[in-house]
Every structure is written in C-alpha cells, then in structure tokens.
C-alpha cells in the first residue's frame, strides 16, 4: 500500500518474490553500473 501526492504519476511497477531470505537483491551485471551511477543522484536527492 502507498499514497502519492497530487500531480504525481505512476509509470511502472514490478513485484518480485523468492522463498529464500536475501537482505538485498543482486542486480544483473549490466545493471550494476546503472545503480552505481545512481548513487550520487540518490545522495543529492536525499
């Protein structure tokens, strides 16, 4: 469950499930560079 603010839009969603405990999802190798590149933006955003 979640609530957005007025004038926000939801463009896409994905729901993943597993029967094994994992504290953090491990992205595919090609995605790792994207995540690392996003960290500075995340820090600035916060």
ModelCIF file with pLDDT and N, C-alpha, C, O atoms, coordinates in Angstrom:
data_MODEL
#
_entry.id   MODEL 
#
_entity.id                         1 
_entity.type                       polymer 
_entity.pdbx_number_of_molecules   1 
#
_entity_poly.entity_id                      1 
_entity_poly.type                           'polypeptide(L)' 
_entity_poly.nstd_linkage                   no 
_entity_poly.nstd_monomer                   no 
_entity_poly.pdbx_seq_one_letter_code       
;(UNK)(UNK)(UNK)(UNK)(UNK)(UNK)(UNK)(UNK)(UNK)(UNK)(UNK)(UNK)(UNK)(UNK)(UNK)(UNK)
(UNK)(UNK)(UNK)(UNK)(UNK)(UNK)(UNK)(UNK)(UNK)(UNK)(UNK)(UNK)(UNK)(UNK)(UNK)(UNK)
(UNK)(UNK)(UNK)(UNK)(UNK)(UNK)(UNK)(UNK)(UNK)(UNK)(UNK)(UNK)(UNK)(UNK)
;
_entity_poly.pdbx_seq_one_letter_code_can   XXXXXXXXXXXXXXXXXXXXXXXXXXXXXXXXXXXXXXXXXXXXXX 
_entity_poly.pdbx_strand_id                 A 
#
loop_
_entity_poly_seq.entity_id 
_entity_poly_seq.num 
_entity_poly_seq.mon_id 
_entity_poly_seq.hetero 
1 1  UNK n 
1 2  UNK n 
1 3  UNK n 
1 4  UNK n 
1 5  UNK n 
1 6  UNK n 
1 7  UNK n 
1 8  UNK n 
1 9  UNK n 
1 10 UNK n 
1 11 UNK n 
1 12 UNK n 
1 13 UNK n 
1 14 UNK n 
1 15 UNK n 
1 16 UNK n 
1 17 UNK n 
1 18 UNK n 
1 19 UNK n 
1 20 UNK n 
1 21 UNK n 
1 22 UNK n 
1 23 UNK n 
1 24 UNK n 
1 25 UNK n 
1 26 UNK n 
1 27 UNK n 
1 28 UNK n 
1 29 UNK n 
1 30 UNK n 
1 31 UNK n 
1 32 UNK n 
1 33 UNK n 
1 34 UNK n 
1 35 UNK n 
1 36 UNK n 
1 37 UNK n 
1 38 UNK n 
1 39 UNK n 
1 40 UNK n 
1 41 UNK n 
1 42 UNK n 
1 43 UNK n 
1 44 UNK n 
1 45 UNK n 
1 46 UNK n 
#
_struct_asym.id          A 
_struct_asym.entity_id   1 
#
loop_
_ma_qa_metric.id 
_ma_qa_metric.mode 
_ma_qa_metric.name 
_ma_qa_metric.software_group_id 
_ma_qa_metric.type 
1 global pLDDT . pLDDT 
2 local  pLDDT . pLDDT 
#
_ma_qa_metric_global.metric_id      1 
_ma_qa_metric_global.metric_value   69.65 
_ma_qa_metric_global.model_id       1 
_ma_qa_metric_global.ordinal_id     1 
#
loop_
_ma_qa_metric_local.label_asym_id 
_ma_qa_metric_local.label_comp_id 
_ma_qa_metric_local.label_seq_id 
_ma_qa_metric_local.metric_id 
_ma_qa_metric_local.metric_value 
_ma_qa_metric_local.model_id 
_ma_qa_metric_local.ordinal_id 
A UNK 1  2 98.00 1 1  
A UNK 2  2 98.00 1 2  
A UNK 3  2 98.00 1 3  
A UNK 4  2 98.00 1 4  
A UNK 5  2 98.00 1 5  
A UNK 6  2 97.00 1 6  
A UNK 7  2 95.00 1 7  
A UNK 8  2 96.00 1 8  
A UNK 9  2 96.00 1 9  
A UNK 10 2 97.00 1 10 
A UNK 11 2 96.00 1 11 
A UNK 12 2 96.00 1 12 
A UNK 13 2 97.00 1 13 
A UNK 14 2 96.00 1 14 
A UNK 15 2 96.00 1 15 
A UNK 16 2 96.00 1 16 
A UNK 17 2 96.00 1 17 
A UNK 18 2 96.00 1 18 
A UNK 19 2 96.00 1 19 
A UNK 20 2 95.00 1 20 
A UNK 21 2 91.00 1 21 
A UNK 22 2 79.00 1 22 
A UNK 23 2 55.00 1 23 
A UNK 24 2 50.00 1 24 
A UNK 25 2 46.00 1 25 
A UNK 26 2 48.00 1 26 
A UNK 27 2 52.00 1 27 
A UNK 28 2 51.00 1 28 
A UNK 29 2 45.00 1 29 
A UNK 30 2 44.00 1 30 
A UNK 31 2 45.00 1 31 
A UNK 32 2 41.00 1 32 
A UNK 33 2 44.00 1 33 
A UNK 34 2 43.00 1 34 
A UNK 35 2 45.00 1 35 
A UNK 36 2 44.00 1 36 
A UNK 37 2 47.00 1 37 
A UNK 38 2 44.00 1 38 
A UNK 39 2 46.00 1 39 
A UNK 40 2 47.00 1 40 
A UNK 41 2 46.00 1 41 
A UNK 42 2 45.00 1 42 
A UNK 43 2 43.00 1 43 
A UNK 44 2 44.00 1 44 
A UNK 45 2 43.00 1 45 
A UNK 46 2 45.00 1 46 
#
loop_
_atom_site.group_PDB 
_atom_site.id 
_atom_site.type_symbol 
_atom_site.label_atom_id 
_atom_site.label_alt_id 
_atom_site.label_comp_id 
_atom_site.label_asym_id 
_atom_site.label_entity_id 
_atom_site.label_seq_id 
_atom_site.pdbx_PDB_ins_code 
_atom_site.Cartn_x 
_atom_site.Cartn_y 
_atom_site.Cartn_z 
_atom_site.occupancy 
_atom_site.B_iso_or_equiv 
_atom_site.pdbx_formal_charge 
_atom_site.auth_seq_id 
_atom_site.auth_comp_id 
_atom_site.auth_asym_id 
_atom_site.auth_atom_id 
_atom_site.pdbx_PDB_model_num 
ATOM 1   N N  . UNK A 1 1  ? 0.833  -1.206  0.000   1.00 98.00 ? 1  UNK A N  1 
ATOM 2   C CA . UNK A 1 1  ? 0.000  0.000   0.000   1.00 98.00 ? 1  UNK A CA 1 
ATOM 3   C C  . UNK A 1 1  ? 0.867  1.255   0.000   1.00 98.00 ? 1  UNK A C  1 
ATOM 4   O O  . UNK A 1 1  ? 1.926  1.290   0.626   1.00 98.00 ? 1  UNK A O  1 
ATOM 5   N N  . UNK A 1 2  ? 0.407  2.283   -0.708  1.00 98.00 ? 2  UNK A N  1 
ATOM 6   C CA . UNK A 1 2  ? 1.125  3.561   -0.724  1.00 98.00 ? 2  UNK A CA 1 
ATOM 7   C C  . UNK A 1 2  ? 0.174  4.648   -1.220  1.00 98.00 ? 2  UNK A C  1 
ATOM 8   O O  . UNK A 1 2  ? -0.864 4.364   -1.819  1.00 98.00 ? 2  UNK A O  1 
ATOM 9   N N  . UNK A 1 3  ? 0.554  5.903   -0.956  1.00 98.00 ? 3  UNK A N  1 
ATOM 10  C CA . UNK A 1 3  ? -0.241 7.060   -1.363  1.00 98.00 ? 3  UNK A CA 1 
ATOM 11  C C  . UNK A 1 3  ? 0.666  8.087   -2.027  1.00 98.00 ? 3  UNK A C  1 
ATOM 12  O O  . UNK A 1 3  ? 1.719  8.432   -1.491  1.00 98.00 ? 3  UNK A O  1 
ATOM 13  N N  . UNK A 1 4  ? 0.254  8.575   -3.194  1.00 98.00 ? 4  UNK A N  1 
ATOM 14  C CA . UNK A 1 4  ? 1.009  9.602   -3.886  1.00 98.00 ? 4  UNK A CA 1 
ATOM 15  C C  . UNK A 1 4  ? 0.506  10.991  -3.566  1.00 98.00 ? 4  UNK A C  1 
ATOM 16  O O  . UNK A 1 4  ? -0.507 11.156  -2.887  1.00 98.00 ? 4  UNK A O  1 
ATOM 17  N N  . UNK A 1 5  ? 1.220  11.989  -4.059  1.00 98.00 ? 5  UNK A N  1 
ATOM 18  C CA . UNK A 1 5  ? 0.783  13.368  -3.906  1.00 98.00 ? 5  UNK A CA 1 
ATOM 19  C C  . UNK A 1 5  ? 0.044  13.802  -5.168  1.00 98.00 ? 5  UNK A C  1 
ATOM 20  O O  . UNK A 1 5  ? 0.166  13.164  -6.213  1.00 98.00 ? 5  UNK A O  1 
ATOM 21  N N  . UNK A 1 6  ? -0.713 14.873  -5.071  1.00 97.00 ? 6  UNK A N  1 
ATOM 22  C CA . UNK A 1 6  ? -1.399 15.393  -6.247  1.00 97.00 ? 6  UNK A CA 1 
ATOM 23  C C  . UNK A 1 6  ? -0.395 15.775  -7.333  1.00 97.00 ? 6  UNK A C  1 
ATOM 24  O O  . UNK A 1 6  ? 0.661  16.338  -7.044  1.00 97.00 ? 6  UNK A O  1 
ATOM 25  N N  . UNK A 1 7  ? -0.730 15.469  -8.562  1.00 95.00 ? 7  UNK A N  1 
ATOM 26  C CA . UNK A 1 7  ? 0.049  15.737  -9.775  1.00 95.00 ? 7  UNK A CA 1 
ATOM 27  C C  . UNK A 1 7  ? 1.204  14.760  -9.986  1.00 95.00 ? 7  UNK A C  1 
ATOM 28  O O  . UNK A 1 7  ? 1.965  14.912  -10.941 1.00 95.00 ? 7  UNK A O  1 
ATOM 29  N N  . UNK A 1 8  ? 1.349  13.764  -9.118  1.00 96.00 ? 8  UNK A N  1 
ATOM 30  C CA . UNK A 1 8  ? 2.347  12.725  -9.368  1.00 96.00 ? 8  UNK A CA 1 
ATOM 31  C C  . UNK A 1 8  ? 1.742  11.662  -10.286 1.00 96.00 ? 8  UNK A C  1 
ATOM 32  O O  . UNK A 1 8  ? 0.523  11.519  -10.371 1.00 96.00 ? 8  UNK A O  1 
ATOM 33  N N  . UNK A 1 9  ? 2.613  10.925  -10.966 1.00 96.00 ? 9  UNK A N  1 
ATOM 34  C CA . UNK A 1 9  ? 2.171  9.849   -11.858 1.00 96.00 ? 9  UNK A CA 1 
ATOM 35  C C  . UNK A 1 9  ? 2.976  8.589   -11.578 1.00 96.00 ? 9  UNK A C  1 
ATOM 36  O O  . UNK A 1 9  ? 4.163  8.652   -11.256 1.00 96.00 ? 9  UNK A O  1 
ATOM 37  N N  . UNK A 1 10 ? 2.314  7.444   -11.706 1.00 97.00 ? 10 UNK A N  1 
ATOM 38  C CA . UNK A 1 10 ? 2.972  6.143   -11.562 1.00 97.00 ? 10 UNK A CA 1 
ATOM 39  C C  . UNK A 1 10 ? 3.126  5.565   -12.957 1.00 97.00 ? 10 UNK A C  1 
ATOM 40  O O  . UNK A 1 10 ? 2.135  5.370   -13.660 1.00 97.00 ? 10 UNK A O  1 
ATOM 41  N N  . UNK A 1 11 ? 4.367  5.287   -13.368 1.00 96.00 ? 11 UNK A N  1 
ATOM 42  C CA . UNK A 1 11 ? 4.631  4.856   -14.744 1.00 96.00 ? 11 UNK A CA 1 
ATOM 43  C C  . UNK A 1 11 ? 4.879  3.362   -14.880 1.00 96.00 ? 11 UNK A C  1 
ATOM 44  O O  . UNK A 1 11 ? 4.531  2.775   -15.905 1.00 96.00 ? 11 UNK A O  1 
ATOM 45  N N  . UNK A 1 12 ? 5.466  2.740   -13.883 1.00 96.00 ? 12 UNK A N  1 
ATOM 46  C CA . UNK A 1 12 ? 5.729  1.306   -13.964 1.00 96.00 ? 12 UNK A CA 1 
ATOM 47  C C  . UNK A 1 12 ? 5.950  0.754   -12.558 1.00 96.00 ? 12 UNK A C  1 
ATOM 48  O O  . UNK A 1 12 ? 6.300  1.487   -11.634 1.00 96.00 ? 12 UNK A O  1 
ATOM 49  N N  . UNK A 1 13 ? 5.733  -0.574  -12.417 1.00 97.00 ? 13 UNK A N  1 
ATOM 50  C CA . UNK A 1 13 ? 5.951  -1.260  -11.147 1.00 97.00 ? 13 UNK A CA 1 
ATOM 51  C C  . UNK A 1 13 ? 6.397  -2.688  -11.438 1.00 97.00 ? 13 UNK A C  1 
ATOM 52  O O  . UNK A 1 13 ? 6.134  -3.237  -12.508 1.00 97.00 ? 13 UNK A O  1 
ATOM 53  N N  . UNK A 1 14 ? 7.071  -3.266  -10.467 1.00 96.00 ? 14 UNK A N  1 
ATOM 54  C CA . UNK A 1 14 ? 7.456  -4.677  -10.567 1.00 96.00 ? 14 UNK A CA 1 
ATOM 55  C C  . UNK A 1 14 ? 7.480  -5.289  -9.173  1.00 96.00 ? 14 UNK A C  1 
ATOM 56  O O  . UNK A 1 14 ? 7.960  -4.679  -8.217  1.00 96.00 ? 14 UNK A O  1 
ATOM 57  N N  . UNK A 1 15 ? 6.954  -6.506  -9.075  1.00 96.00 ? 15 UNK A N  1 
ATOM 58  C CA . UNK A 1 15 ? 6.869  -7.226  -7.809  1.00 96.00 ? 15 UNK A CA 1 
ATOM 59  C C  . UNK A 1 15 ? 7.625  -8.538  -7.959  1.00 96.00 ? 15 UNK A C  1 
ATOM 60  O O  . UNK A 1 15 ? 7.261  -9.377  -8.782  1.00 96.00 ? 15 UNK A O  1 
ATOM 61  N N  . UNK A 1 16 ? 8.696  -8.720  -7.153  1.00 96.00 ? 16 UNK A N  1 
ATOM 62  C CA . UNK A 1 16 ? 9.498  -9.942  -7.179  1.00 96.00 ? 16 UNK A CA 1 
ATOM 63  C C  . UNK A 1 16 ? 9.346  -10.682 -5.863  1.00 96.00 ? 16 UNK A C  1 
ATOM 64  O O  . UNK A 1 16 ? 9.271  -10.068 -4.798  1.00 96.00 ? 16 UNK A O  1 
ATOM 65  N N  . UNK A 1 17 ? 9.300  -12.027 -5.943  1.00 96.00 ? 17 UNK A N  1 
ATOM 66  C CA . UNK A 1 17 ? 9.178  -12.863 -4.756  1.00 96.00 ? 17 UNK A CA 1 
ATOM 67  C C  . UNK A 1 17 ? 10.195 -13.998 -4.794  1.00 96.00 ? 17 UNK A C  1 
ATOM 68  O O  . UNK A 1 17 ? 10.592 -14.461 -5.863  1.00 96.00 ? 17 UNK A O  1 
ATOM 69  N N  . UNK A 1 18 ? 10.605 -14.432 -3.616  1.00 96.00 ? 18 UNK A N  1 
ATOM 70  C CA . UNK A 1 18 ? 11.516 -15.571 -3.502  1.00 96.00 ? 18 UNK A CA 1 
ATOM 71  C C  . UNK A 1 18 ? 11.242 -16.312 -2.200  1.00 96.00 ? 18 UNK A C  1 
ATOM 72  O O  . UNK A 1 18 ? 10.774 -15.720 -1.227  1.00 96.00 ? 18 UNK A O  1 
ATOM 73  N N  . UNK A 1 19 ? 11.535 -17.612 -2.187  1.00 96.00 ? 19 UNK A N  1 
ATOM 74  C CA . UNK A 1 19 ? 11.377 -18.398 -0.963  1.00 96.00 ? 19 UNK A CA 1 
ATOM 75  C C  . UNK A 1 19 ? 12.687 -18.479 -0.182  1.00 96.00 ? 19 UNK A C  1 
ATOM 76  O O  . UNK A 1 19 ? 12.801 -19.266 0.758   1.00 96.00 ? 19 UNK A O  1 
ATOM 77  N N  . UNK A 1 20 ? 13.674 -17.669 -0.565  1.00 95.00 ? 20 UNK A N  1 
ATOM 78  C CA . UNK A 1 20 ? 14.968 -17.624 0.114   1.00 95.00 ? 20 UNK A CA 1 
ATOM 79  C C  . UNK A 1 20 ? 15.187 -16.231 0.669   1.00 95.00 ? 20 UNK A C  1 
ATOM 80  O O  . UNK A 1 20 ? 14.899 -15.246 -0.011  1.00 95.00 ? 20 UNK A O  1 
ATOM 81  N N  . UNK A 1 21 ? 15.695 -16.127 1.899   1.00 91.00 ? 21 UNK A N  1 
ATOM 82  C CA . UNK A 1 21 ? 15.970 -14.830 2.509   1.00 91.00 ? 21 UNK A CA 1 
ATOM 83  C C  . UNK A 1 21 ? 17.162 -14.188 1.806   1.00 91.00 ? 21 UNK A C  1 
ATOM 84  O O  . UNK A 1 21 ? 18.190 -14.836 1.608   1.00 91.00 ? 21 UNK A O  1 
ATOM 85  N N  . UNK A 1 22 ? 17.031 -12.930 1.434   1.00 79.00 ? 22 UNK A N  1 
ATOM 86  C CA . UNK A 1 22 ? 18.129 -12.161 0.848   1.00 79.00 ? 22 UNK A CA 1 
ATOM 87  C C  . UNK A 1 22 ? 17.928 -10.712 1.247   1.00 79.00 ? 22 UNK A C  1 
ATOM 88  O O  . UNK A 1 22 ? 16.915 -10.094 0.918   1.00 79.00 ? 22 UNK A O  1 
ATOM 89  N N  . UNK A 1 23 ? 18.899 -10.184 1.953   1.00 55.00 ? 23 UNK A N  1 
ATOM 90  C CA . UNK A 1 23 ? 18.766 -8.839  2.515   1.00 55.00 ? 23 UNK A CA 1 
ATOM 91  C C  . UNK A 1 23 ? 18.768 -7.777  1.438   1.00 55.00 ? 23 UNK A C  1 
ATOM 92  O O  . UNK A 1 23 ? 18.215 -6.697  1.644   1.00 55.00 ? 23 UNK A O  1 
ATOM 93  N N  . UNK A 1 24 ? 19.380 -8.055  0.281   1.00 50.00 ? 24 UNK A N  1 
ATOM 94  C CA . UNK A 1 24 ? 19.393 -7.087  -0.820  1.00 50.00 ? 24 UNK A CA 1 
ATOM 95  C C  . UNK A 1 24 ? 19.390 -7.843  -2.123  1.00 50.00 ? 24 UNK A C  1 
ATOM 96  O O  . UNK A 1 24 ? 20.091 -8.844  -2.270  1.00 50.00 ? 24 UNK A O  1 
ATOM 97  N N  . UNK A 1 25 ? 18.605 -7.372  -3.069  1.00 46.00 ? 25 UNK A N  1 
ATOM 98  C CA . UNK A 1 25 ? 18.564 -8.013  -4.374  1.00 46.00 ? 25 UNK A CA 1 
ATOM 99  C C  . UNK A 1 25 ? 19.864 -7.762  -5.117  1.00 46.00 ? 25 UNK A C  1 
ATOM 100 O O  . UNK A 1 25 ? 20.413 -6.663  -5.036  1.00 46.00 ? 25 UNK A O  1 
ATOM 101 N N  . UNK A 1 26 ? 20.370 -8.755  -5.839  1.00 48.00 ? 26 UNK A N  1 
ATOM 102 C CA . UNK A 1 26 ? 21.590 -8.620  -6.617  1.00 48.00 ? 26 UNK A CA 1 
ATOM 103 C C  . UNK A 1 26 ? 21.227 -8.391  -8.071  1.00 48.00 ? 26 UNK A C  1 
ATOM 104 O O  . UNK A 1 26 ? 20.674 -9.284  -8.712  1.00 48.00 ? 26 UNK A O  1 
ATOM 105 N N  . UNK A 1 27 ? 21.530 -7.195  -8.617  1.00 52.00 ? 27 UNK A N  1 
ATOM 106 C CA . UNK A 1 27 ? 21.156 -6.923  -9.999  1.00 52.00 ? 27 UNK A CA 1 
ATOM 107 C C  . UNK A 1 27 ? 22.023 -7.670  -10.981 1.00 52.00 ? 27 UNK A C  1 
ATOM 108 O O  . UNK A 1 27 ? 23.107 -8.143  -10.641 1.00 52.00 ? 27 UNK A O  1 
ATOM 109 N N  . UNK A 1 28 ? 21.541 -7.771  -12.194 1.00 51.00 ? 28 UNK A N  1 
ATOM 110 C CA . UNK A 1 28 ? 22.335 -8.362  -13.257 1.00 51.00 ? 28 UNK A CA 1 
ATOM 111 C C  . UNK A 1 28 ? 23.591 -7.524  -13.472 1.00 51.00 ? 28 UNK A C  1 
ATOM 112 O O  . UNK A 1 28 ? 23.567 -6.324  -13.202 1.00 51.00 ? 28 UNK A O  1 
ATOM 113 N N  . UNK A 1 29 ? 24.703 -8.121  -13.956 1.00 45.00 ? 29 UNK A N  1 
ATOM 114 C CA . UNK A 1 29 ? 25.948 -7.367  -14.123 1.00 45.00 ? 29 UNK A CA 1 
ATOM 115 C C  . UNK A 1 29 ? 25.777 -6.090  -14.924 1.00 45.00 ? 29 UNK A C  1 
ATOM 116 O O  . UNK A 1 29 ? 26.381 -5.070  -14.592 1.00 45.00 ? 29 UNK A O  1 
ATOM 117 N N  . UNK A 1 30 ? 24.966 -6.126  -15.972 1.00 44.00 ? 30 UNK A N  1 
ATOM 118 C CA . UNK A 1 30 ? 24.784 -4.939  -16.793 1.00 44.00 ? 30 UNK A CA 1 
ATOM 119 C C  . UNK A 1 30 ? 24.061 -3.824  -16.074 1.00 44.00 ? 30 UNK A C  1 
ATOM 120 O O  . UNK A 1 30 ? 24.160 -2.660  -16.464 1.00 44.00 ? 30 UNK A O  1 
ATOM 121 N N  . UNK A 1 31 ? 23.318 -4.176  -15.006 1.00 45.00 ? 31 UNK A N  1 
ATOM 122 C CA . UNK A 1 31 ? 22.564 -3.183  -14.263 1.00 45.00 ? 31 UNK A CA 1 
ATOM 123 C C  . UNK A 1 31 ? 23.388 -2.555  -13.157 1.00 45.00 ? 31 UNK A C  1 
ATOM 124 O O  . UNK A 1 31 ? 23.068 -1.463  -12.687 1.00 45.00 ? 31 UNK A O  1 
ATOM 125 N N  . UNK A 1 32 ? 24.453 -3.238  -12.733 1.00 41.00 ? 32 UNK A N  1 
ATOM 126 C CA . UNK A 1 32 ? 25.251 -2.764  -11.616 1.00 41.00 ? 32 UNK A CA 1 
ATOM 127 C C  . UNK A 1 32 ? 25.825 -1.380  -11.880 1.00 41.00 ? 32 UNK A C  1 
ATOM 128 O O  . UNK A 1 32 ? 25.838 -0.535  -10.985 1.00 41.00 ? 32 UNK A O  1 
ATOM 129 N N  . UNK A 1 33 ? 26.297 -1.137  -13.094 1.00 44.00 ? 33 UNK A N  1 
ATOM 130 C CA . UNK A 1 33 ? 26.858 0.168   -13.430 1.00 44.00 ? 33 UNK A CA 1 
ATOM 131 C C  . UNK A 1 33 ? 25.811 1.262   -13.318 1.00 44.00 ? 33 UNK A C  1 
ATOM 132 O O  . UNK A 1 33 ? 26.115 2.382   -12.908 1.00 44.00 ? 33 UNK A O  1 
ATOM 133 N N  . UNK A 1 34 ? 24.571 0.932   -13.684 1.00 43.00 ? 34 UNK A N  1 
ATOM 134 C CA . UNK A 1 34 ? 23.493 1.908   -13.583 1.00 43.00 ? 34 UNK A CA 1 
ATOM 135 C C  . UNK A 1 34 ? 23.251 2.272   -12.132 1.00 43.00 ? 34 UNK A C  1 
ATOM 136 O O  . UNK A 1 34 ? 23.081 3.444   -11.797 1.00 43.00 ? 34 UNK A O  1 
ATOM 137 N N  . UNK A 1 35 ? 23.235 1.250   -11.258 1.00 45.00 ? 35 UNK A N  1 
ATOM 138 C CA . UNK A 1 35 ? 22.996 1.503   -9.841  1.00 45.00 ? 35 UNK A CA 1 
ATOM 139 C C  . UNK A 1 35 ? 24.115 2.329   -9.235  1.00 45.00 ? 35 UNK A C  1 
ATOM 140 O O  . UNK A 1 35 ? 23.860 3.254   -8.464  1.00 45.00 ? 35 UNK A O  1 
ATOM 141 N N  . UNK A 1 36 ? 25.371 1.998   -9.583  1.00 44.00 ? 36 UNK A N  1 
ATOM 142 C CA . UNK A 1 36 ? 26.491 2.752   -9.048  1.00 44.00 ? 36 UNK A CA 1 
ATOM 143 C C  . UNK A 1 36 ? 26.434 4.197   -9.512  1.00 44.00 ? 36 UNK A C  1 
ATOM 144 O O  . UNK A 1 36 ? 26.758 5.115   -8.758  1.00 44.00 ? 36 UNK A O  1 
ATOM 145 N N  . UNK A 1 37 ? 26.025 4.391   -10.746 1.00 47.00 ? 37 UNK A N  1 
ATOM 146 C CA . UNK A 1 37 ? 25.898 5.744   -11.262 1.00 47.00 ? 37 UNK A CA 1 
ATOM 147 C C  . UNK A 1 37 ? 24.768 6.513   -10.613 1.00 47.00 ? 37 UNK A C  1 
ATOM 148 O O  . UNK A 1 37 ? 24.779 7.743   -10.585 1.00 47.00 ? 37 UNK A O  1 
ATOM 149 N N  . UNK A 1 38 ? 23.787 5.785   -10.088 1.00 44.00 ? 38 UNK A N  1 
ATOM 150 C CA . UNK A 1 38 ? 22.637 6.453   -9.470  1.00 44.00 ? 38 UNK A CA 1 
ATOM 151 C C  . UNK A 1 38 ? 22.909 6.878   -8.042  1.00 44.00 ? 38 UNK A C  1 
ATOM 152 O O  . UNK A 1 38 ? 22.175 7.708   -7.505  1.00 44.00 ? 38 UNK A O  1 
ATOM 153 N N  . UNK A 1 39 ? 23.946 6.335   -7.405  1.00 46.00 ? 39 UNK A N  1 
ATOM 154 C CA . UNK A 1 39 ? 24.189 6.641   -6.000  1.00 46.00 ? 39 UNK A CA 1 
ATOM 155 C C  . UNK A 1 39 ? 24.440 8.123   -5.747  1.00 46.00 ? 39 UNK A C  1 
ATOM 156 O O  . UNK A 1 39 ? 23.872 8.666   -4.799  1.00 46.00 ? 39 UNK A O  1 
ATOM 157 N N  . UNK A 1 40 ? 25.276 8.819   -6.560  1.00 47.00 ? 40 UNK A N  1 
ATOM 158 C CA . UNK A 1 40 ? 25.431 10.254  -6.324  1.00 47.00 ? 40 UNK A CA 1 
ATOM 159 C C  . UNK A 1 40 ? 24.118 11.007  -6.441  1.00 47.00 ? 40 UNK A C  1 
ATOM 160 O O  . UNK A 1 40 ? 23.848 11.924  -5.665  1.00 47.00 ? 40 UNK A O  1 
ATOM 161 N N  . UNK A 1 41 ? 23.295 10.613  -7.424  1.00 46.00 ? 41 UNK A N  1 
ATOM 162 C CA . UNK A 1 41 ? 21.988 11.270  -7.588  1.00 46.00 ? 41 UNK A CA 1 
ATOM 163 C C  . UNK A 1 41 ? 21.113 11.000  -6.380  1.00 46.00 ? 41 UNK A C  1 
ATOM 164 O O  . UNK A 1 41 ? 20.370 11.879  -5.943  1.00 46.00 ? 41 UNK A O  1 
ATOM 165 N N  . UNK A 1 42 ? 21.192 9.786   -5.832  1.00 45.00 ? 42 UNK A N  1 
ATOM 166 C CA . UNK A 1 42 ? 20.380 9.451   -4.658  1.00 45.00 ? 42 UNK A CA 1 
ATOM 167 C C  . UNK A 1 42 ? 20.786 10.291  -3.465  1.00 45.00 ? 42 UNK A C  1 
ATOM 168 O O  . UNK A 1 42 ? 19.933 10.785  -2.728  1.00 45.00 ? 42 UNK A O  1 
ATOM 169 N N  . UNK A 1 43 ? 22.097 10.455  -3.269  1.00 43.00 ? 43 UNK A N  1 
ATOM 170 C CA . UNK A 1 43 ? 22.576 11.250  -2.143  1.00 43.00 ? 43 UNK A CA 1 
ATOM 171 C C  . UNK A 1 43 ? 22.130 12.705  -2.294  1.00 43.00 ? 43 UNK A C  1 
ATOM 172 O O  . UNK A 1 43 ? 21.686 13.326  -1.329  1.00 43.00 ? 43 UNK A O  1 
ATOM 173 N N  . UNK A 1 44 ? 22.251 13.243  -3.510  1.00 44.00 ? 44 UNK A N  1 
ATOM 174 C CA . UNK A 1 44 ? 21.820 14.614  -3.759  1.00 44.00 ? 44 UNK A CA 1 
ATOM 175 C C  . UNK A 1 44 ? 20.328 14.749  -3.529  1.00 44.00 ? 44 UNK A C  1 
ATOM 176 O O  . UNK A 1 44 ? 19.864 15.734  -2.954  1.00 44.00 ? 44 UNK A O  1 
ATOM 177 N N  . UNK A 1 45 ? 19.577 13.751  -3.982  1.00 43.00 ? 45 UNK A N  1 
ATOM 178 C CA . UNK A 1 45 ? 18.118 13.758  -3.836  1.00 43.00 ? 45 UNK A CA 1 
ATOM 179 C C  . UNK A 1 45 ? 17.725 13.800  -2.368  1.00 43.00 ? 45 UNK A C  1 
ATOM 180 O O  . UNK A 1 45 ? 16.842 14.567  -1.984  1.00 43.00 ? 45 UNK A O  1 
ATOM 181 N N  . UNK A 1 46 ? 18.376 12.977  -1.537  1.00 45.00 ? 46 UNK A N  1 
ATOM 182 C CA . UNK A 1 46 ? 18.033 12.937  -0.124  1.00 45.00 ? 46 UNK A CA 1 
ATOM 183 C C  . UNK A 1 46 ? 18.362 14.258  0.547   1.00 45.00 ? 46 UNK A C  1 
ATOM 184 O O  . UNK A 1 46 ? 18.140 14.413  1.747   1.00 45.00 ? 46 UNK A O  1 
#
